[in-house]
C-alpha atoms as a PDB file:
ATOM      1  CA  MET A   1      12.984 -17.100 -26.819  1.00  0.00           C
ATOM      2  CA  THR A   2      10.916 -17.367 -23.630  1.00  0.00           C
ATOM      3  CA  ASP A   3       7.962 -14.967 -23.442  1.00  0.00           C
ATOM      4  CA  LEU A   4       8.165 -13.715 -19.838  1.00  0.00           C
ATOM      5  CA  HIS A   5       4.994 -11.688 -20.298  1.00  0.00           C
ATOM      6  CA  ALA A   6       3.071 -14.814 -21.303  1.00  0.00           C
ATOM      7  CA  ILE A   7       4.437 -16.700 -18.299  1.00  0.00           C
ATOM      8  CA  ASP A   8       3.445 -13.840 -16.012  1.00  0.00           C
ATOM      9  CA  ARG A   9      -0.100 -13.683 -17.396  1.00  0.00           C
ATOM     10  CA  THR A  10      -0.584 -17.460 -17.287  1.00  0.00           C
ATOM     11  CA  ALA A  11       0.650 -17.795 -13.709  1.00  0.00           C
ATOM     12  CA  ARG A  12      -1.402 -14.874 -12.519  1.00  0.00           C
ATOM     13  CA  SER A  13      -4.595 -16.211 -14.116  1.00  0.00           C
ATOM     14  CA  LEU A  14      -4.297 -19.246 -11.885  1.00  0.00           C
ATOM     15  CA  THR A  15      -4.115 -17.240  -8.661  1.00  0.00           C
ATOM     16  CA  ILE A  16      -6.824 -14.604  -9.034  1.00  0.00           C
ATOM     17  CA  ASP A  17     -10.143 -15.614  -7.528  1.00  0.00           C
ATOM     18  CA  GLU A  18     -13.109 -14.954  -9.801  1.00  0.00           C
ATOM     19  CA  GLY A  19     -15.641 -14.604  -7.003  1.00  0.00           C
ATOM     20  CA  GLY A  20     -15.920 -13.575  -3.375  1.00  0.00           C
ATOM     21  CA  PHE A  21     -14.468 -15.250  -0.315  1.00  0.00           C
ATOM     22  CA  PRO A  22     -15.710 -17.418   2.567  1.00  0.00           C
ATOM     23  CA  ALA A  23     -17.348 -15.552   5.452  1.00  0.00           C
ATOM     24  CA  GLN A  24     -14.678 -14.634   8.001  1.00  0.00           C
ATOM     25  CA  GLU A  25     -13.709 -11.977  10.535  1.00  0.00           C
ATOM     26  CA  GLN A  26     -10.545 -10.972  12.380  1.00  0.00           C
ATOM     27  CA  GLN A  27      -9.635  -8.426  15.010  1.00  0.00           C
ATOM     28  CA  PRO A  28      -7.692  -5.396  13.710  1.00  0.00           C
ATOM     29  CA  PRO A  29      -5.080  -5.112  12.342  1.00  0.00           C
ATOM     30  CA  GLY A  30      -5.578  -8.623  10.918  1.00  0.00           C
ATOM     31  CA  LEU A  31      -3.033 -11.202   9.748  1.00  0.00           C
ATOM     32  CA  THR A  32      -2.427 -12.780   6.363  1.00  0.00           C
ATOM     33  CA  SER A  33      -1.898 -16.195   7.943  1.00  0.00           C
ATOM     34  CA  GLU A  34      -5.517 -16.258   9.145  1.00  0.00           C
ATOM     35  CA  MET A  35      -7.085 -15.374   5.777  1.00  0.00           C
ATOM     36  CA  GLU A  36      -8.907 -17.940   3.641  1.00  0.00           C
ATOM     37  CA  PRO A  37      -7.799 -18.038   0.936  1.00  0.00           C
ATOM     38  CA  HIS A  38      -4.395 -16.359   1.253  1.00  0.00           C
ATOM     39  CA  PRO A  39      -4.033 -13.308  -1.007  1.00  0.00           C
ATOM     40  CA  ASP A  40      -1.781 -13.353  -4.053  1.00  0.00           C
ATOM     41  CA  HIS A  41       1.091 -10.900  -3.450  1.00  0.00           C
ATOM     42  CA  GLY A  42       2.990 -11.952  -6.557  1.00  0.00           C
ATOM     43  CA  GLU A  43       5.018 -14.598  -4.744  1.00  0.00           C
ATOM     44  CA  GLU A  44       4.763 -16.975  -7.706  1.00  0.00           C
ATOM     45  CA  THR A  45       3.873 -14.518 -10.451  1.00  0.00           C
ATOM     46  CA  TRP A  46       5.934 -11.317 -10.395  1.00  0.00           C
ATOM     47  CA  VAL A  47       8.801 -11.370 -12.901  1.00  0.00           C
ATOM     48  CA  GLY A  48      11.415  -8.666 -12.231  1.00  0.00           C
ATOM     49  CA  ARG A  49      13.167  -6.752 -15.022  1.00  0.00           C
ATOM     50  CA  ASP A  50      15.622  -4.585 -13.013  1.00  0.00           C
ATOM     51  CA  ARG A  51      13.509  -1.443 -13.335  1.00  0.00           C
ATOM     52  CA  LEU A  52      14.417  -0.284  -9.807  1.00  0.00           C
ATOM     53  CA  SER A  53      17.983  -1.550  -9.675  1.00  0.00           C
ATOM     54  CA  GLY A  54      19.986  -0.055  -6.799  1.00  0.00           C
ATOM     55  CA  LEU A  55      17.112   1.930  -5.279  1.00  0.00           C
ATOM     56  CA  LYS A  56      16.248   1.941  -1.592  1.00  0.00           C
ATOM     57  CA  ALA A  57      12.582   2.035  -0.581  1.00  0.00           C
ATOM     58  CA  LEU A  58      10.621   2.444   2.654  1.00  0.00           C
ATOM     59  CA  ILE A  59       7.094   1.011   2.683  1.00  0.00           C
ATOM     60  CA  THR A  60       4.764   1.777   5.577  1.00  0.00           C
ATOM     61  CA  GLY A  61       2.253  -0.989   6.222  1.00  0.00           C
ATOM     62  CA  GLY A  62       4.729  -3.185   4.367  1.00  0.00           C
ATOM     63  CA  ASP A  63       4.091  -6.440   6.189  1.00  0.00           C
ATOM     64  CA  SER A  64       0.969  -7.583   4.338  1.00  0.00           C
ATOM     65  CA  GLY A  65      -1.580  -6.834   1.648  1.00  0.00           C
ATOM     66  CA  ILE A  66      -0.652  -4.134  -0.830  1.00  0.00           C
ATOM     67  CA  GLY A  67       2.521  -3.360   1.104  1.00  0.00           C
ATOM     68  CA  ARG A  68       3.760  -6.950   0.811  1.00  0.00           C
ATOM     69  CA  ALA A  69       2.993  -7.061  -2.907  1.00  0.00           C
ATOM     70  CA  VAL A  70       4.916  -3.825  -3.435  1.00  0.00           C
ATOM     71  CA  ALA A  71       7.847  -5.103  -1.357  1.00  0.00           C
ATOM     72  CA  ILE A  72       8.088  -8.303  -3.389  1.00  0.00           C
ATOM     73  CA  ALA A  73       7.852  -6.476  -6.705  1.00  0.00           C
ATOM     74  CA  PHE A  74      10.360  -3.809  -5.668  1.00  0.00           C
ATOM     75  CA  ALA A  75      12.831  -6.466  -4.537  1.00  0.00           C
ATOM     76  CA  ARG A  76      12.526  -8.429  -7.766  1.00  0.00           C
ATOM     77  CA  GLU A  77      13.042  -5.183  -9.669  1.00  0.00           C
ATOM     78  CA  GLY A  78      16.344  -4.683  -7.832  1.00  0.00           C
ATOM     79  CA  ALA A  79      15.483  -2.465  -4.849  1.00  0.00           C
ATOM     80  CA  ASP A  80      16.399  -2.903  -1.195  1.00  0.00           C
ATOM     81  CA  VAL A  81      13.368  -2.498   1.055  1.00  0.00           C
ATOM     82  CA  ALA A  82      12.548  -1.331   4.594  1.00  0.00           C
ATOM     83  CA  LEU A  83       9.212  -2.442   6.020  1.00  0.00           C
ATOM     84  CA  ASN A  84       7.278  -0.511   8.652  1.00  0.00           C
ATOM     85  CA  TYR A  85       4.397  -2.222  10.483  1.00  0.00           C
ATOM     86  CA  LEU A  86       2.766  -2.546  13.886  1.00  0.00           C
ATOM     87  CA  PRO A  87       4.524  -4.818  16.402  1.00  0.00           C
ATOM     88  CA  ASP A  88       1.435  -7.082  16.402  1.00  0.00           C
ATOM     89  CA  GLU A  89       2.122  -7.778  12.722  1.00  0.00           C
ATOM     90  CA  GLN A  90       5.628  -9.155  13.274  1.00  0.00           C
ATOM     91  CA  SER A  91       4.829 -12.607  11.880  1.00  0.00           C
ATOM     92  CA  ASP A  92       3.545 -11.130   8.610  1.00  0.00           C
ATOM     93  CA  ALA A  93       6.595  -8.870   8.399  1.00  0.00           C
ATOM     94  CA  GLU A  94       8.941 -11.814   8.837  1.00  0.00           C
ATOM     95  CA  ASP A  95       7.202 -13.644   6.007  1.00  0.00           C
ATOM     96  CA  THR A  96       7.537 -10.625   3.710  1.00  0.00           C
ATOM     97  CA  LYS A  97      11.206 -10.258   4.625  1.00  0.00           C
ATOM     98  CA  LYS A  98      11.827 -13.840   3.501  1.00  0.00           C
ATOM     99  CA  TRP A  99      10.409 -13.066   0.064  1.00  0.00           C
ATOM    100  CA  VAL A 100      12.502  -9.892  -0.268  1.00  0.00           C
ATOM    101  CA  GLU A 101      15.669 -11.708   0.723  1.00  0.00           C
ATOM    102  CA  LYS A 102      14.813 -14.617  -1.582  1.00  0.00           C
ATOM    103  CA  ALA A 103      15.007 -12.066  -4.397  1.00  0.00           C
ATOM    104  CA  GLY A 104      18.558 -11.295  -3.298  1.00  0.00           C
ATOM    105  CA  ARG A 105      17.809  -7.883  -1.786  1.00  0.00           C
ATOM    106  CA  ARG A 106      18.285  -6.415   1.673  1.00  0.00           C
ATOM    107  CA  CYS A 107      15.233  -6.096   3.924  1.00  0.00           C
ATOM    108  CA  VAL A 108      15.199  -3.891   7.026  1.00  0.00           C
ATOM    109  CA  LEU A 109      12.369  -4.305   9.538  1.00  0.00           C
ATOM    110  CA  VAL A 110      11.313  -1.114  11.352  1.00  0.00           C
ATOM    111  CA  PRO A 111       8.250  -1.832  13.525  1.00  0.00           C
ATOM    112  CA  ALA A 112       6.562   1.293  14.910  1.00  0.00           C
ATOM    113  CA  ASP A 113       3.121   2.722  15.590  1.00  0.00           C
ATOM    114  CA  ILE A 114       3.302   5.719  13.286  1.00  0.00           C
ATOM    115  CA  SER A 115       0.207   7.306  14.844  1.00  0.00           C
ATOM    116  CA  ASP A 116       2.794   8.546  17.378  1.00  0.00           C
ATOM    117  CA  GLU A 117       4.836  11.391  15.862  1.00  0.00           C
ATOM    118  CA  LYS A 118       8.091  10.632  17.652  1.00  0.00           C
ATOM    119  CA  ALA A 119       7.915   6.963  16.687  1.00  0.00           C
ATOM    120  CA  ALA A 120       7.036   7.798  13.069  1.00  0.00           C
ATOM    121  CA  ARG A 121       9.987  10.142  12.616  1.00  0.00           C
ATOM    122  CA  ALA A 122      12.449   7.825  14.345  1.00  0.00           C
ATOM    123  CA  MET A 123      11.269   4.946  12.152  1.00  0.00           C
ATOM    124  CA  VAL A 124      12.167   6.854   8.971  1.00  0.00           C
ATOM    125  CA  ASP A 125      15.681   7.611  10.161  1.00  0.00           C
ATOM    126  CA  GLU A 126      16.166   4.012  11.268  1.00  0.00           C
ATOM    127  CA  ALA A 127      15.052   2.765   7.860  1.00  0.00           C
ATOM    128  CA  ALA A 128      17.373   5.143   5.996  1.00  0.00           C
ATOM    129  CA  GLU A 129      20.284   4.146   8.209  1.00  0.00           C
ATOM    130  CA  GLY A 130      19.603   0.456   7.732  1.00  0.00           C
ATOM    131  CA  LEU A 131      19.318   0.781   3.968  1.00  0.00           C
ATOM    132  CA  GLY A 132      22.195   3.223   3.591  1.00  0.00           C
ATOM    133  CA  GLY A 133      19.938   5.901   2.113  1.00  0.00           C
ATOM    134  CA  LEU A 134      16.444   6.383   0.779  1.00  0.00           C
ATOM    135  CA  ASP A 135      15.122   6.864  -2.753  1.00  0.00           C
ATOM    136  CA  VAL A 136      11.448   5.868  -2.606  1.00  0.00           C
ATOM    137  CA  LEU A 137       8.829   6.362   0.100  1.00  0.00           C
ATOM    138  CA  VAL A 138       5.545   4.458  -0.128  1.00  0.00           C
ATOM    139  CA  ASN A 139       2.965   5.836   2.313  1.00  0.00           C
ATOM    140  CA  ASN A 140       0.794   2.738   2.364  1.00  0.00           C
ATOM    141  CA  ALA A 141      -0.214   2.365   6.035  1.00  0.00           C
ATOM    142  CA  GLY A 142      -3.892   3.033   6.620  1.00  0.00           C
ATOM    143  CA  PHE A 143      -6.568   2.472   9.217  1.00  0.00           C
ATOM    144  CA  GLN A 144     -10.347   2.330   9.228  1.00  0.00           C
ATOM    145  CA  TRP A 145     -13.081   1.412  11.666  1.00  0.00           C
ATOM    146  CA  GLY A 146     -15.479  -1.081  10.159  1.00  0.00           C
ATOM    147  CA  ARG A 147     -18.695  -2.911  10.985  1.00  0.00           C
ATOM    148  CA  ARG A 148     -20.554   0.325  11.738  1.00  0.00           C
ATOM    149  CA  GLU A 149     -24.315   0.291  11.535  1.00  0.00           C
ATOM    150  CA  HIS A 150     -24.587   3.928  10.483  1.00  0.00           C
ATOM    151  CA  GLY A 151     -22.470   6.760   9.122  1.00  0.00           C
ATOM    152  CA  LEU A 152     -22.167  10.063  10.976  1.00  0.00           C
ATOM    153  CA  ALA A 153     -24.036   8.911  14.079  1.00  0.00           C
ATOM    154  CA  SER A 154     -21.564   6.058  14.570  1.00  0.00           C
ATOM    155  CA  VAL A 155     -18.393   8.162  14.455  1.00  0.00           C
ATOM    156  CA  LYS A 156     -16.684   8.433  17.831  1.00  0.00           C
ATOM    157  CA  THR A 157     -14.010  11.025  18.577  1.00  0.00           C
ATOM    158  CA  ASP A 158     -11.342   8.557  19.700  1.00  0.00           C
ATOM    159  CA  GLU A 159     -11.933   6.406  16.630  1.00  0.00           C
ATOM    160  CA  MET A 160     -11.799   9.418  14.343  1.00  0.00           C
ATOM    161  CA  ASP A 161      -8.535  10.532  15.964  1.00  0.00           C
ATOM    162  CA  GLN A 162      -6.972   7.144  15.191  1.00  0.00           C
ATOM    163  CA  VAL A 163      -8.052   7.246  11.542  1.00  0.00           C
ATOM    164  CA  MET A 164      -6.792  10.803  11.066  1.00  0.00           C
ATOM    165  CA  LYS A 165      -3.474  10.158  12.803  1.00  0.00           C
ATOM    166  CA  VAL A 166      -2.613   7.021  10.844  1.00  0.00           C
ATOM    167  CA  ASN A 167      -3.925   8.108   7.459  1.00  0.00           C
ATOM    168  CA  LEU A 168      -3.034  11.816   7.435  1.00  0.00           C
ATOM    169  CA  TYR A 169      -0.833  12.935  10.309  1.00  0.00           C
ATOM    170  CA  ALA A 170       1.543  10.000   9.907  1.00  0.00           C
ATOM    171  CA  LEU A 171       1.754  10.515   6.149  1.00  0.00           C
ATOM    172  CA  ILE A 172       2.866  14.100   6.738  1.00  0.00           C
ATOM    173  CA  TRP A 173       5.269  13.222   9.576  1.00  0.00           C
ATOM    174  CA  VAL A 174       6.855  10.384   7.617  1.00  0.00           C
ATOM    175  CA  SER A 175       7.119  12.462   4.424  1.00  0.00           C
ATOM    176  CA  GLN A 176       8.659  15.396   6.296  1.00  0.00           C
ATOM    177  CA  GLN A 177      11.278  13.152   7.859  1.00  0.00           C
ATOM    178  CA  ALA A 178      11.962  11.368   4.583  1.00  0.00           C
ATOM    179  CA  LEU A 179      12.832  14.655   2.872  1.00  0.00           C
ATOM    180  CA  LYS A 180      16.038  14.668   4.905  1.00  0.00           C
ATOM    181  CA  HIS A 181      17.091  11.580   2.964  1.00  0.00           C
ATOM    182  CA  LEU A 182      15.399  11.945  -0.453  1.00  0.00           C
ATOM    183  CA  GLY A 183      17.046  13.820  -3.311  1.00  0.00           C
ATOM    184  CA  LYS A 184      16.797  14.531  -7.015  1.00  0.00           C
ATOM    185  CA  GLY A 185      15.271  11.539  -8.793  1.00  0.00           C
ATOM    186  CA  SER A 186      13.516  10.275  -5.666  1.00  0.00           C
ATOM    187  CA  SER A 187       9.781   9.713  -5.395  1.00  0.00           C
ATOM    188  CA  ILE A 188       6.959   9.558  -2.883  1.00  0.00           C
ATOM    189  CA  ILE A 189       3.969   7.311  -3.590  1.00  0.00           C
ATOM    190  CA  ASN A 190       0.863   7.761  -1.452  1.00  0.00           C
ATOM    191  CA  VAL A 191      -2.031   5.310  -1.235  1.00  0.00           C
ATOM    192  CA  SER A 192      -5.450   6.823  -1.832  1.00  0.00           C
ATOM    193  CA  SER A 193      -8.620   4.757  -2.377  1.00  0.00           C
ATOM    194  CA  ILE A 194     -11.771   4.447  -4.431  1.00  0.00           C
ATOM    195  CA  GLN A 195     -13.320   5.828  -1.227  1.00  0.00           C
ATOM    196  CA  ALA A 196     -11.958   9.235  -2.208  1.00  0.00           C
ATOM    197  CA  TYR A 197     -14.282   9.186  -5.241  1.00  0.00           C
ATOM    198  CA  ASP A 198     -17.162   6.908  -4.212  1.00  0.00           C
ATOM    199  CA  PRO A 199     -17.367   7.097  -0.394  1.00  0.00           C
ATOM    200  CA  SER A 200     -19.288   4.546   1.636  1.00  0.00           C
ATOM    201  CA  GLU A 201     -21.735   5.816   4.251  1.00  0.00           C
ATOM    202  CA  ALA A 202     -20.113   3.904   7.109  1.00  0.00           C
ATOM    203  CA  LEU A 203     -16.593   5.086   6.238  1.00  0.00           C
ATOM    204  CA  ILE A 204     -17.142   8.830   6.502  1.00  0.00           C
ATOM    205  CA  ASP A 205     -13.874   9.494   8.381  1.00  0.00           C
ATOM    206  CA  TYR A 206     -11.767   7.031   6.384  1.00  0.00           C
ATOM    207  CA  ALA A 207     -13.097   8.252   3.028  1.00  0.00           C
ATOM    208  CA  SER A 208     -12.401  11.876   3.943  1.00  0.00           C
ATOM    209  CA  THR A 209      -8.753  11.048   4.690  1.00  0.00           C
ATOM    210  CA  LYS A 210      -8.367   9.406   1.302  1.00  0.00           C
ATOM    211  CA  ALA A 211      -9.762  12.476  -0.458  1.00  0.00           C
ATOM    212  CA  ALA A 212      -7.307  14.569   1.546  1.00  0.00           C
ATOM    213  CA  ILE A 213      -4.447  12.308   0.452  1.00  0.00           C
ATOM    214  CA  ASN A 214      -5.264  13.145  -3.166  1.00  0.00           C
ATOM    215  CA  ASN A 215      -4.937  16.849  -2.358  1.00  0.00           C
ATOM    216  CA  ILE A 216      -1.738  16.327  -0.367  1.00  0.00           C
ATOM    217  CA  THR A 217      -0.288  14.443  -3.328  1.00  0.00           C
ATOM    218  CA  VAL A 218      -0.889  17.385  -5.639  1.00  0.00           C
ATOM    219  CA  ASN A 219       0.359  19.875  -3.019  1.00  0.00           C
ATOM    220  CA  LEU A 220       3.610  17.987  -2.504  1.00  0.00           C
ATOM    221  CA  ALA A 221       4.130  17.450  -6.230  1.00  0.00           C
ATOM    222  CA  GLN A 222       4.001  21.219  -6.721  1.00  0.00           C
ATOM    223  CA  GLU A 223       6.318  21.931  -3.798  1.00  0.00           C
ATOM    224  CA  LEU A 224       8.911  19.227  -4.428  1.00  0.00           C
ATOM    225  CA  GLY A 225       9.062  19.380  -8.209  1.00  0.00           C
ATOM    226  CA  GLU A 226      11.857  21.951  -8.154  1.00  0.00           C
ATOM    227  CA  LYS A 227      13.905  19.520  -6.050  1.00  0.00           C
ATOM    228  CA  GLY A 228      13.442  16.770  -8.623  1.00  0.00           C
ATOM    229  CA  ILE A 229      11.253  14.690  -6.293  1.00  0.00           C
ATOM    230  CA  ARG A 230       8.114  13.230  -7.858  1.00  0.00           C
ATOM    231  CA  VAL A 231       4.936  12.677  -5.799  1.00  0.00           C
ATOM    232  CA  ASN A 232       2.070  10.479  -6.983  1.00  0.00           C
ATOM    233  CA  ALA A 233      -0.642   8.229  -5.585  1.00  0.00           C
ATOM    234  CA  VAL A 234      -2.325   4.908  -6.294  1.00  0.00           C
ATOM    235  CA  ALA A 235      -6.053   4.522  -5.593  1.00  0.00           C
ATOM    236  CA  PRO A 236      -6.993   0.880  -4.971  1.00  0.00           C
ATOM    237  CA  GLY A 237     -10.508  -0.459  -5.265  1.00  0.00           C
ATOM    238  CA  PRO A 238     -11.699  -3.506  -3.275  1.00  0.00           C
ATOM    239  CA  ILE A 239      -8.524  -5.529  -2.679  1.00  0.00           C
ATOM    240  CA  TRP A 240      -8.229  -8.815  -0.765  1.00  0.00           C
ATOM    241  CA  THR A 241      -6.044  -7.847   2.210  1.00  0.00           C
ATOM    242  CA  PRO A 242      -6.227  -8.387   6.004  1.00  0.00           C
ATOM    243  CA  LEU A 243      -7.995  -5.030   6.257  1.00  0.00           C
ATOM    244  CA  GLN A 244     -11.148  -6.623   4.840  1.00  0.00           C
ATOM    245  CA  PRO A 245     -11.877  -9.396   7.384  1.00  0.00           C
ATOM    246  CA  ALA A 246     -10.543  -7.132  10.140  1.00  0.00           C
ATOM    247  CA  THR A 247     -12.996  -4.300   9.438  1.00  0.00           C
ATOM    248  CA  LYS A 248     -15.995  -5.746   7.600  1.00  0.00           C
ATOM    249  CA  LYS A 249     -18.768  -8.088   8.675  1.00  0.00           C
ATOM    250  CA  GLY A 250     -17.941 -11.693   7.945  1.00  0.00           C
ATOM    251  CA  ASP A 251     -21.073 -12.351   5.928  1.00  0.00           C
ATOM    252  CA  SER A 252     -20.103  -9.586   3.467  1.00  0.00           C
ATOM    253  CA  MET A 253     -17.015 -11.465   2.234  1.00  0.00           C
ATOM    254  CA  PRO A 254     -18.798 -13.662  -0.365  1.00  0.00           C
ATOM    255  CA  SER A 255     -19.987 -10.553  -2.225  1.00  0.00           C
ATOM    256  CA  PHE A 256     -16.853  -8.460  -1.630  1.00  0.00           C
ATOM    257  CA  GLY A 257     -15.842  -6.687  -4.851  1.00  0.00           C
ATOM    258  CA  ALA A 258     -18.820  -7.969  -6.847  1.00  0.00           C
ATOM    259  CA  ASP A 259     -20.034  -4.414  -7.526  1.00  0.00           C
ATOM    260  CA  THR A 260     -17.028  -3.541  -9.709  1.00  0.00           C
ATOM    261  CA  PRO A 261     -17.331  -3.584 -13.518  1.00  0.00           C
ATOM    262  CA  LEU A 262     -14.955  -6.562 -13.535  1.00  0.00           C
ATOM    263  CA  GLY A 263     -17.266  -8.288 -11.058  1.00  0.00           C
ATOM    264  CA  ARG A 264     -14.617  -9.357  -8.556  1.00  0.00           C
ATOM    265  CA  PRO A 265     -12.164  -8.021  -5.967  1.00  0.00           C
ATOM    266  CA  GLY A 266      -8.539  -7.458  -6.844  1.00  0.00           C
ATOM    267  CA  GLN A 267      -5.480  -9.204  -5.483  1.00  0.00           C
ATOM    268  CA  PRO A 268      -2.586  -7.201  -3.979  1.00  0.00           C
ATOM    269  CA  SER A 269      -0.330  -8.391  -6.815  1.00  0.00           C
ATOM    270  CA  GLU A 270      -2.543  -6.540  -9.287  1.00  0.00           C
ATOM    271  CA  LEU A 271      -1.481  -3.187  -7.804  1.00  0.00           C
ATOM    272  CA  ALA A 272       2.257  -3.796  -7.780  1.00  0.00           C
ATOM    273  CA  GLY A 273       2.765  -2.691 -11.374  1.00  0.00           C
ATOM    274  CA  ALA A 274       1.415   0.788 -10.684  1.00  0.00           C
ATOM    275  CA  PHE A 275       3.875   1.248  -7.814  1.00  0.00           C
ATOM    276  CA  VAL A 276       6.819  -0.059  -9.820  1.00  0.00           C
ATOM    277  CA  PHE A 277       5.985   2.314 -12.657  1.00  0.00           C
ATOM    278  CA  LEU A 278       5.674   5.342 -10.381  1.00  0.00           C
ATOM    279  CA  ALA A 279       8.875   4.466  -8.512  1.00  0.00           C
ATOM    280  CA  SER A 280      10.908   4.063 -11.681  1.00  0.00           C
ATOM    281  CA  PRO A 281      13.093   7.135 -12.296  1.00  0.00           C
ATOM    282  CA  LEU A 282      13.214   6.216 -15.969  1.00  0.00           C
ATOM    283  CA  GLU A 283       9.689   5.106 -16.858  1.00  0.00           C
ATOM    284  CA  ALA A 284       7.879   7.749 -14.772  1.00  0.00           C
ATOM    285  CA  SER A 285      10.425  10.555 -14.976  1.00  0.00           C
ATOM    286  CA  TYR A 286       7.758  13.047 -16.171  1.00  0.00           C
ATOM    287  CA  VAL A 287       4.915  11.789 -13.991  1.00  0.00           C
ATOM    288  CA  THR A 288       4.060  13.710 -10.832  1.00  0.00           C
ATOM    289  CA  GLY A 289       0.925  14.946  -9.107  1.00  0.00           C
ATOM    290  CA  THR A 290      -1.240  12.160 -10.506  1.00  0.00           C
ATOM    291  CA  VAL A 291      -3.418   9.383  -9.079  1.00  0.00           C
ATOM    292  CA  ILE A 292      -3.500   5.984 -10.777  1.00  0.00           C
ATOM    293  CA  GLY A 293      -6.697   4.073 -10.145  1.00  0.00           C
ATOM    294  CA  VAL A 294      -6.541   0.278  -9.789  1.00  0.00           C
ATOM    295  CA  THR A 295     -10.202  -0.237  -9.020  1.00  0.00           C
ATOM    296  CA  GLY A 296     -11.611  -2.998 -11.197  1.00  0.00           C
ATOM    297  CA  GLY A 297     -13.304  -0.354 -13.332  1.00  0.00           C
ATOM    298  CA  LYS A 298     -14.721   2.029 -10.754  1.00  0.00           C
ATOM    299  CA  PRO A 299     -14.036   5.610 -11.946  1.00  0.00           C
ATOM    300  CA  VAL A 300     -11.437   7.838 -10.276  1.00  0.00           C
ATOM    301  CA  PHE A 301     -12.426  11.245 -11.605  1.00  0.00           C
END
């Protein structure tokens, strides 16, 4: 009998970089196609076992990085997927769609700048209509301003507004709108960060939104529990996504992630399992109001 777990582990061991990455920079929001090396989203490694069969999921920021890894895993686990992303990220979204459809699942593309309330709410309804319903919402989209020289003194009001709108306002708008489509057995999965627990000086606004997301997760879990809707979060550590070269100085890439106990950054594929678990109405049926850390060993408490 074939050991699928052994195959999965062997394939993955060949794709995870043990060190940092070549110096490189991009302009936000960044594209996967311009990264060197390309991240591992599970394209050649994720083995589906029908844990999400028949479910319909909306993933914000679903074109690349963690969102792409979640989309691929969800599709191989049997879910249809809608991807939200910025119009500038269309090429990445098209690539992700190909992987979802290669798994035999439907993929609906819903580009929208969710920092605009009207666009965010309309996007949710469009996704639900395209999928024929909605069972899982993944609030993955996030924004940060990088390459700052200082912390508080470098924060500008317009930049702070953008961070707050994408990371917090949009999460609330999208979740509110999704409740019109979610029902008993559904779930919401938010994306927090190690920054909520170990904030960097230069990311004062971004880190504060991630701490707030932890609180919102608990708040919503308490409110929606009686409706049978579970709400949880995943807190990534340093993960190799377009966000990194788009917001950090190029010469920091070789040492990116080296300060974790595992001594390296993570790949997007290494987070997919946490999302699949939390989305599963069987495996995580009694899990709500929690944050799962996928941080390479950095503590989330």
